[in-house]
Amino acid sequence: MRHPFRESPEFLRLIEGKGGVSLPRIALEIARDFDPSVDIDSYLRRIDALADRVRPRCSKDARPKAILAQINWVFFVEEEFRGNEADYYDPRNSLLNEVFERKTGIPISLSVLYAGIAEPLGLTLEGVDLPAHYVLRLRGAEPPLFVDPFHAGTLLDREACSGLVSKAVGQMIDLEDDQIIACPPARTVARMLRNLKAISLQTGDFAEALLVARRLAAIEPDNLEGVRDWGLLAYQTGHLGEAIGPLSRYCEVRSKALDIPTVGELLRAARREVAQSN
């Protein structure tokens, strides 16, 4: 049987628990779901080219802040990337090829791109899944140093991160230690996918939502609501055979859930229709 993610080898490595995955490559594999013409290697070369423009501007003994300043100059001044505050929920803000072409995005997509530029320059920037925002944290920096690519690469300390979140949620927040640690790549990818799923559902594009739900269920197999949504979207879009597995699992594990009568009926309907077509 053909693996559903055979054409997404980096994403496959992620769900298999392999280390050292490339988030830019995974983001581009996701983008290719929406546009099969996306040339992943071409975009990765463009990321490397941006790093190559920064490199000669940094001395061999340049400190991290000096390198970050040069990345900011190339990325935000010369290339004019920016956070899309005017149309934050445009789905193109979450697709890395579109972010590259339009030079605008949301915090997580800009962060993936920014970190991809920093890595060849010797800086490891890891995602931090803050409440209502997403920033990067410089590995090994003490005290912690954060970068906010959505706001032109602003450098932040812990207090500034708390202020950023407080402004976003409309109340004072004092971030706990576990809220400012770097998150694993799978969590970053899941957050990207949830953004796309929410937008697709809001616009009523169930076919696109199914593309995302498949990947989410693969990353978070124990999230039964996500597994259910995958099955429901498969049913909604006419992929009845595909719907049976996730709907069956949800009904078995969540047999007491309030939506079981509805989900169970859809599961029975899918089984009937598949049986009749064979």
Protein backbone atom coordinates (compact mmCIF):
# COMPACT_ATOMS: atom_id res chain seq x y z
CA MET A 1 0.00 0.00 0.00
CA ARG A 2 1.32 3.43 -0.93
CA HIS A 3 2.30 5.46 2.13
CA PRO A 4 0.21 8.67 2.37
CA PHE A 5 3.34 10.74 2.97
CA ARG A 6 5.66 9.05 0.50
CA GLU A 7 5.97 12.35 -1.37
CA SER A 8 6.83 14.19 1.88
CA PRO A 9 10.03 12.47 3.03
CA GLU A 10 10.98 15.13 5.59
CA PHE A 11 7.50 15.07 7.15
CA LEU A 12 7.72 11.28 7.21
CA ARG A 13 11.02 11.51 9.10
CA LEU A 14 9.31 13.82 11.60
CA ILE A 15 6.42 11.46 12.37
CA GLU A 16 8.88 8.57 12.60
CA GLY A 17 10.67 10.44 15.38
CA LYS A 18 13.89 11.07 13.47
CA GLY A 19 16.10 13.92 14.70
CA GLY A 20 17.54 16.85 12.81
CA VAL A 21 14.55 17.48 10.58
CA SER A 22 14.39 20.60 8.42
CA LEU A 23 11.40 22.75 9.31
CA PRO A 24 11.67 24.84 6.12
CA ARG A 25 11.58 21.66 4.04
CA ILE A 26 8.56 20.32 5.97
CA ALA A 27 6.79 23.68 5.60
CA LEU A 28 7.38 23.54 1.85
CA GLU A 29 6.13 19.96 1.67
CA ILE A 30 2.93 21.17 3.33
CA ALA A 31 2.73 24.06 0.87
CA ARG A 32 3.03 21.59 -2.00
CA ASP A 33 -0.24 19.98 -0.82
CA PHE A 34 -1.92 23.24 -1.79
CA ASP A 35 0.15 23.85 -4.92
CA PRO A 36 1.78 20.76 -6.47
CA SER A 37 4.03 22.99 -8.60
CA VAL A 38 6.03 24.18 -5.57
CA ASP A 39 9.73 23.52 -6.22
CA ILE A 40 11.02 22.72 -2.74
CA ASP A 41 14.72 22.65 -3.60
CA SER A 42 14.46 25.99 -5.38
CA TYR A 43 13.08 27.67 -2.27
CA LEU A 44 15.68 26.02 -0.05
CA ARG A 45 18.38 27.41 -2.34
CA ARG A 46 16.86 30.86 -1.94
CA ILE A 47 17.07 30.50 1.85
CA ASP A 48 20.73 29.51 1.53
CA ALA A 49 21.31 32.50 -0.76
CA LEU A 50 20.01 34.86 1.92
CA ALA A 51 22.39 33.29 4.43
CA ASP A 52 25.21 33.71 1.92
CA ARG A 53 24.46 37.44 1.73
CA VAL A 54 24.70 37.76 5.49
CA ARG A 55 27.87 35.71 5.96
CA PRO A 56 30.48 38.14 4.56
CA ARG A 57 29.06 40.92 6.73
CA CYS A 58 29.96 39.04 9.90
CA SER A 59 33.47 38.69 11.25
CA LYS A 60 34.71 35.23 12.18
CA ASP A 61 34.39 36.06 15.88
CA ALA A 62 31.08 37.90 15.58
CA ARG A 63 28.82 37.50 18.58
CA PRO A 64 25.25 36.21 18.11
CA LYS A 65 23.64 39.64 18.47
CA ALA A 66 25.87 41.02 15.74
CA ILE A 67 24.93 38.17 13.40
CA LEU A 68 21.24 38.65 14.20
CA ALA A 69 21.57 42.34 13.40
CA GLN A 70 22.94 41.48 9.94
CA ILE A 71 20.18 38.90 9.34
CA ASN A 72 17.63 41.56 10.27
CA TRP A 73 19.17 44.02 7.82
CA VAL A 74 19.05 41.58 4.91
CA PHE A 75 15.68 40.07 5.79
CA PHE A 76 13.68 43.10 6.85
CA VAL A 77 15.44 46.09 5.27
CA GLU A 78 16.82 44.83 1.97
CA GLU A 79 14.26 42.10 1.28
CA GLU A 80 11.40 43.91 3.08
CA PHE A 81 9.83 40.89 4.76
CA ARG A 82 7.20 41.88 7.31
CA GLY A 83 4.46 40.55 9.52
CA ASN A 84 1.05 40.66 7.87
CA GLU A 85 -0.94 42.53 10.50
CA ALA A 86 -3.46 43.89 7.95
CA ASP A 87 -4.66 40.45 6.78
CA TYR A 88 -3.42 38.08 9.46
CA TYR A 89 -5.78 35.19 8.59
CA ASP A 90 -5.00 35.04 4.89
CA PRO A 91 -4.10 31.34 4.37
CA ARG A 92 -1.13 32.35 2.22
CA ASN A 93 0.54 33.66 5.39
CA SER A 94 0.95 30.03 6.50
CA LEU A 95 2.38 28.64 3.24
CA LEU A 96 6.13 29.12 3.07
CA ASN A 97 6.32 29.52 -0.71
CA GLU A 98 3.70 32.29 -0.53
CA VAL A 99 5.53 33.93 2.37
CA PHE A 100 8.65 33.99 0.23
CA GLU A 101 6.91 35.40 -2.83
CA ARG A 102 4.73 37.94 -1.01
CA LYS A 103 7.34 38.72 1.67
CA THR A 104 4.77 38.66 4.43
CA GLY A 105 3.51 36.09 6.90
CA ILE A 106 2.48 35.29 10.44
CA PRO A 107 4.84 34.72 13.38
CA ILE A 108 5.36 30.99 12.88
CA SER A 109 5.97 31.06 9.12
CA LEU A 110 8.35 34.00 9.34
CA SER A 111 10.14 32.28 12.23
CA VAL A 112 10.65 29.07 10.25
CA LEU A 113 12.13 31.07 7.39
CA TYR A 114 14.26 33.26 9.68
CA ALA A 115 15.67 30.26 11.57
CA GLY A 116 16.47 28.61 8.25
CA ILE A 117 18.66 31.60 7.34
CA ALA A 118 20.37 31.65 10.75
CA GLU A 119 21.30 27.95 10.83
CA PRO A 120 24.02 28.04 8.12
CA LEU A 121 25.50 31.03 9.97
CA GLY A 122 26.07 28.97 13.11
CA LEU A 123 23.04 30.13 15.09
CA THR A 124 20.47 27.61 16.26
CA LEU A 125 17.14 29.35 16.77
CA GLU A 126 14.41 27.14 18.21
CA GLY A 127 10.70 27.85 18.24
CA VAL A 128 8.91 28.90 21.40
CA ASP A 129 5.19 28.24 21.35
CA LEU A 130 4.05 31.20 23.45
CA PRO A 131 0.36 31.73 24.17
CA ALA A 132 -1.07 33.77 21.27
CA HIS A 133 2.35 34.28 19.68
CA TYR A 134 5.40 32.42 18.40
CA VAL A 135 9.01 33.52 18.72
CA LEU A 136 12.49 32.06 18.42
CA ARG A 137 14.96 31.36 21.21
CA LEU A 138 18.73 31.32 20.71
CA ARG A 139 20.08 28.00 21.89
CA GLY A 140 22.70 28.33 24.61
CA ALA A 141 22.09 31.99 25.41
CA GLU A 142 21.98 32.88 29.10
CA PRO A 143 20.03 34.80 30.09
CA PRO A 144 17.54 33.63 27.46
CA LEU A 145 17.48 35.67 24.26
CA PHE A 146 14.44 35.63 21.98
CA VAL A 147 13.84 36.92 18.45
CA ASP A 148 10.46 38.06 17.13
CA PRO A 149 10.48 37.82 13.31
CA PHE A 150 6.89 39.06 13.13
CA HIS A 151 8.06 42.40 14.51
CA ALA A 152 11.17 42.97 12.36
CA GLY A 153 13.44 40.63 14.33
CA THR A 154 13.12 42.49 17.63
CA LEU A 155 15.32 40.99 20.35
CA LEU A 156 13.45 40.15 23.53
CA ASP A 157 14.21 39.04 27.06
CA ARG A 158 11.82 37.05 29.22
CA GLU A 159 10.08 40.15 30.56
CA ALA A 160 9.53 41.48 27.05
CA CYS A 161 8.01 38.14 26.00
CA SER A 162 5.57 38.40 28.90
CA GLY A 163 4.69 41.92 27.77
CA LEU A 164 4.16 40.74 24.20
CA VAL A 165 1.79 37.97 25.31
CA SER A 166 -0.01 40.29 27.74
CA LYS A 167 -0.73 42.72 24.91
CA ALA A 168 -1.96 39.92 22.65
CA VAL A 169 -4.39 38.43 25.18
CA GLY A 170 -5.47 41.70 26.80
CA GLN A 171 -4.39 40.91 30.36
CA MET A 172 -1.22 40.79 32.39
CA ILE A 173 0.69 37.53 31.92
CA ASP A 174 3.84 36.47 33.74
CA LEU A 175 5.23 33.60 31.69
CA GLU A 176 6.27 30.47 33.56
CA ASP A 177 9.55 28.66 32.92
CA ASP A 178 7.87 25.90 30.93
CA GLN A 179 6.22 28.46 28.64
CA ILE A 180 9.48 29.88 27.34
CA ILE A 181 11.36 26.68 26.62
CA ALA A 182 12.05 25.63 23.05
CA CYS A 183 9.38 23.35 21.65
CA PRO A 184 10.10 20.22 19.57
CA PRO A 185 9.74 20.45 15.79
CA ALA A 186 6.56 18.36 15.85
CA ARG A 187 4.85 20.96 18.01
CA THR A 188 5.83 23.72 15.61
CA VAL A 189 4.52 21.78 12.62
CA ALA A 190 1.30 20.94 14.47
CA ARG A 191 0.74 24.62 15.22
CA MET A 192 1.29 25.50 11.57
CA LEU A 193 -1.21 22.83 10.54
CA ARG A 194 -3.81 23.93 13.09
CA ASN A 195 -3.62 27.45 11.70
CA LEU A 196 -4.26 26.15 8.19
CA LYS A 197 -7.02 23.82 9.33
CA ALA A 198 -8.87 26.60 11.15
CA ILE A 199 -8.67 28.89 8.12
CA SER A 200 -9.80 26.16 5.70
CA LEU A 201 -12.79 25.30 7.89
CA GLN A 202 -13.68 28.95 8.27
CA THR A 203 -13.74 29.41 4.49
CA GLY A 204 -15.59 26.14 3.96
CA ASP A 205 -12.81 24.56 1.91
CA PHE A 206 -13.18 21.01 3.23
CA ALA A 207 -10.86 19.52 0.63
CA GLU A 208 -7.99 21.68 1.85
CA ALA A 209 -8.95 21.03 5.47
CA LEU A 210 -8.68 17.30 4.79
CA LEU A 211 -5.13 17.71 3.48
CA VAL A 212 -4.19 19.35 6.75
CA ALA A 213 -6.20 17.01 9.00
CA ARG A 214 -4.37 13.98 7.58
CA ARG A 215 -1.04 15.43 8.60
CA LEU A 216 -2.28 16.56 12.00
CA ALA A 217 -3.57 13.08 12.80
CA ALA A 218 -0.18 11.66 11.83
CA ILE A 219 1.68 14.06 14.13
CA GLU A 220 -0.79 13.79 17.01
CA PRO A 221 -2.22 10.26 16.80
CA ASP A 222 -3.40 10.41 20.42
CA ASN A 223 -5.48 13.55 19.81
CA LEU A 224 -8.77 11.74 19.26
CA GLU A 225 -10.64 14.90 18.31
CA GLY A 226 -8.10 15.43 15.53
CA VAL A 227 -8.51 11.81 14.41
CA ARG A 228 -12.30 12.30 14.39
CA ASP A 229 -11.99 15.47 12.34
CA TRP A 230 -9.85 13.65 9.80
CA GLY A 231 -12.56 11.02 9.43
CA LEU A 232 -15.37 13.56 9.24
CA LEU A 233 -13.58 15.59 6.60
CA ALA A 234 -12.83 12.46 4.59
CA TYR A 235 -16.53 11.58 4.72
CA GLN A 236 -17.57 15.14 3.84
CA THR A 237 -15.35 15.16 0.76
CA GLY A 238 -16.41 11.72 -0.48
CA HIS A 239 -13.35 9.73 0.66
CA LEU A 240 -15.53 7.15 2.35
CA GLY A 241 -12.98 4.36 2.55
CA GLU A 242 -10.50 6.71 4.18
CA ALA A 243 -13.11 7.89 6.68
CA ILE A 244 -13.76 4.43 8.14
CA GLY A 245 -10.45 3.97 9.97
CA PRO A 246 -10.34 7.25 11.93
CA LEU A 247 -14.09 7.23 12.66
CA SER A 248 -13.88 3.64 13.92
CA ARG A 249 -11.00 4.48 16.22
CA TYR A 250 -12.79 7.51 17.63
CA CYS A 251 -15.95 5.51 18.32
CA GLU A 252 -14.01 2.71 19.99
CA VAL A 253 -11.93 4.92 22.27
CA ARG A 254 -14.47 7.66 22.94
CA SER A 255 -17.56 5.49 23.20
CA LYS A 256 -19.12 7.75 25.86
CA ALA A 257 -18.57 11.05 24.01
CA LEU A 258 -21.65 13.17 23.39
CA ASP A 259 -21.13 13.16 19.63
CA ILE A 260 -20.89 9.36 19.33
CA PRO A 261 -24.47 8.96 18.00
CA THR A 262 -23.71 11.31 15.12
CA VAL A 263 -20.21 10.03 14.42
CA GLY A 264 -21.40 6.44 14.70
CA GLU A 265 -24.16 7.00 12.17
CA LEU A 266 -21.70 8.52 9.70
CA LEU A 267 -19.37 5.58 10.23
CA ARG A 268 -22.19 3.11 9.49
CA ALA A 269 -23.16 5.10 6.41
CA ALA A 270 -19.57 5.07 5.14
CA ARG A 271 -19.33 1.31 5.65
CA ARG A 272 -22.62 0.73 3.81
CA GLU A 273 -21.64 2.85 0.85
CA VAL A 274 -18.18 1.29 0.59
CA ALA A 275 -19.69 -2.19 0.77
CA GLN A 276 -22.24 -1.37 -1.92
CA SER A 277 -19.56 -0.03 -4.25
CA ASN A 278 -17.48 -3.22 -4.04
